[in-house]
Amino acid sequence: MANHKHTKKAHKQDIVRRARNRSLRTRLRRSLKSLRSAIDQGNTDEARSAMSGTVSLIDKMSAKGVIHDNTAARYKSRLAKRFAAAS
C-alpha cells in the first residue's frame, strides 16, 4: 500500500477509474453483442437502429479513452461490412 498522501489519493483515483472503465467496456461489449446477433438473425430493422446507437457508443468510448482510436475504427468498419453483407 502507498505511504505518501499523494500516492494514496492516486491509488483511490485508479480504483474509481478502473471501475468506471470496466462498466463502460461491459456496456460496449453488450451493445456489440446485441447488434451482431441482430445482424446474424436477419432483423434488419432492429439492426439498423442498434447500429447507430452502437457506433455512437463506440465513438464515446474512444473519446473517453476506454478503447483506442484504431480499435474503435476497426469495430465500426467490421460492423458496417457485416451489416452491408446481411442487408
Protein backbone atom coordinates (compact mmCIF):
# COMPACT_ATOMS: atom_id res chain seq x y z
CA MET A 1 0.00 0.00 0.00
CA ALA A 2 1.08 3.58 -0.64
CA ASN A 3 2.78 5.55 2.10
CA HIS A 4 2.54 9.13 0.85
CA LYS A 5 -0.58 11.21 0.77
CA HIS A 6 -0.47 11.83 -2.97
CA THR A 7 0.12 8.16 -3.78
CA LYS A 8 -2.83 7.17 -1.59
CA LYS A 9 -5.00 9.65 -3.49
CA ALA A 10 -3.68 8.37 -6.83
CA HIS A 11 -4.49 4.82 -5.78
CA LYS A 12 -8.07 5.81 -4.89
CA GLN A 13 -8.42 7.56 -8.24
CA ASP A 14 -7.13 4.46 -10.04
CA ILE A 15 -9.74 2.30 -8.33
CA VAL A 16 -12.56 4.68 -9.30
CA ARG A 17 -11.34 4.96 -12.90
CA ARG A 18 -10.92 1.21 -13.21
CA ALA A 19 -14.49 0.61 -12.03
CA ARG A 20 -15.83 3.24 -14.44
CA ASN A 21 -13.84 1.89 -17.38
CA ARG A 22 -14.92 -1.67 -16.65
CA SER A 23 -18.60 -0.73 -16.60
CA LEU A 24 -18.26 1.29 -19.80
CA ARG A 25 -16.38 -1.52 -21.54
CA THR A 26 -19.05 -4.02 -20.45
CA ARG A 27 -21.76 -1.73 -21.79
CA LEU A 28 -19.92 -1.51 -25.11
CA ARG A 29 -19.49 -5.29 -25.33
CA ARG A 30 -23.18 -5.86 -24.60
CA SER A 31 -24.14 -3.41 -27.33
CA LEU A 32 -21.79 -5.06 -29.82
CA LYS A 33 -23.11 -8.50 -28.95
CA SER A 34 -26.76 -7.48 -29.39
CA LEU A 35 -26.01 -5.79 -32.72
CA ARG A 36 -24.10 -8.80 -34.03
CA SER A 37 -26.89 -11.16 -33.01
CA ALA A 38 -29.49 -8.93 -34.69
CA ILE A 39 -27.44 -8.93 -37.89
CA ASP A 40 -26.92 -12.69 -37.77
CA GLN A 41 -30.63 -13.34 -37.22
CA GLY A 42 -31.54 -11.09 -40.14
CA ASN A 43 -33.51 -8.48 -38.16
CA THR A 44 -32.61 -5.56 -40.42
CA ASP A 45 -34.89 -3.02 -38.71
CA GLU A 46 -33.58 -3.90 -35.28
CA ALA A 47 -30.00 -3.99 -36.58
CA ARG A 48 -30.35 -0.59 -38.26
CA SER A 49 -31.49 1.08 -35.05
CA ALA A 50 -28.88 -0.75 -32.98
CA MET A 51 -26.18 0.18 -35.48
CA SER A 52 -26.49 3.93 -34.92
CA GLY A 53 -26.55 3.52 -31.14
CA THR A 54 -23.58 1.18 -31.14
CA VAL A 55 -21.49 3.38 -33.43
CA SER A 56 -22.27 6.34 -31.20
CA LEU A 57 -21.25 4.33 -28.14
CA ILE A 58 -18.00 3.26 -29.82
CA ASP A 59 -17.19 6.91 -30.56
CA LYS A 60 -17.91 7.88 -26.94
CA MET A 61 -15.68 5.10 -25.58
CA SER A 62 -12.91 6.17 -27.93
CA ALA A 63 -13.24 9.82 -26.86
CA LYS A 64 -13.11 8.85 -23.18
CA GLY A 65 -10.02 6.72 -23.76
CA VAL A 66 -11.69 3.45 -22.77
CA ILE A 67 -10.71 1.96 -26.13
CA HIS A 68 -8.02 3.04 -28.58
CA ASP A 69 -8.98 5.14 -31.61
CA ASN A 70 -7.82 2.46 -34.05
CA THR A 71 -9.80 -0.18 -32.15
CA ALA A 72 -12.90 1.99 -32.49
CA ALA A 73 -12.30 2.39 -36.23
CA ARG A 74 -11.81 -1.36 -36.61
CA TYR A 75 -15.05 -2.13 -34.74
CA LYS A 76 -17.05 0.32 -36.85
CA SER A 77 -15.54 -0.93 -40.10
CA ARG A 78 -16.23 -4.58 -39.34
CA LEU A 79 -19.77 -3.86 -38.17
CA ALA A 80 -20.52 -1.82 -41.32
CA LYS A 81 -19.16 -4.61 -43.50
CA ARG A 82 -21.19 -7.23 -41.66
CA PHE A 83 -24.34 -5.10 -41.83
CA ALA A 84 -23.92 -4.45 -45.57
CA ALA A 85 -23.39 -8.14 -46.27
CA ALA A 86 -26.54 -9.06 -44.34
CA SER A 87 -28.71 -6.37 -45.97
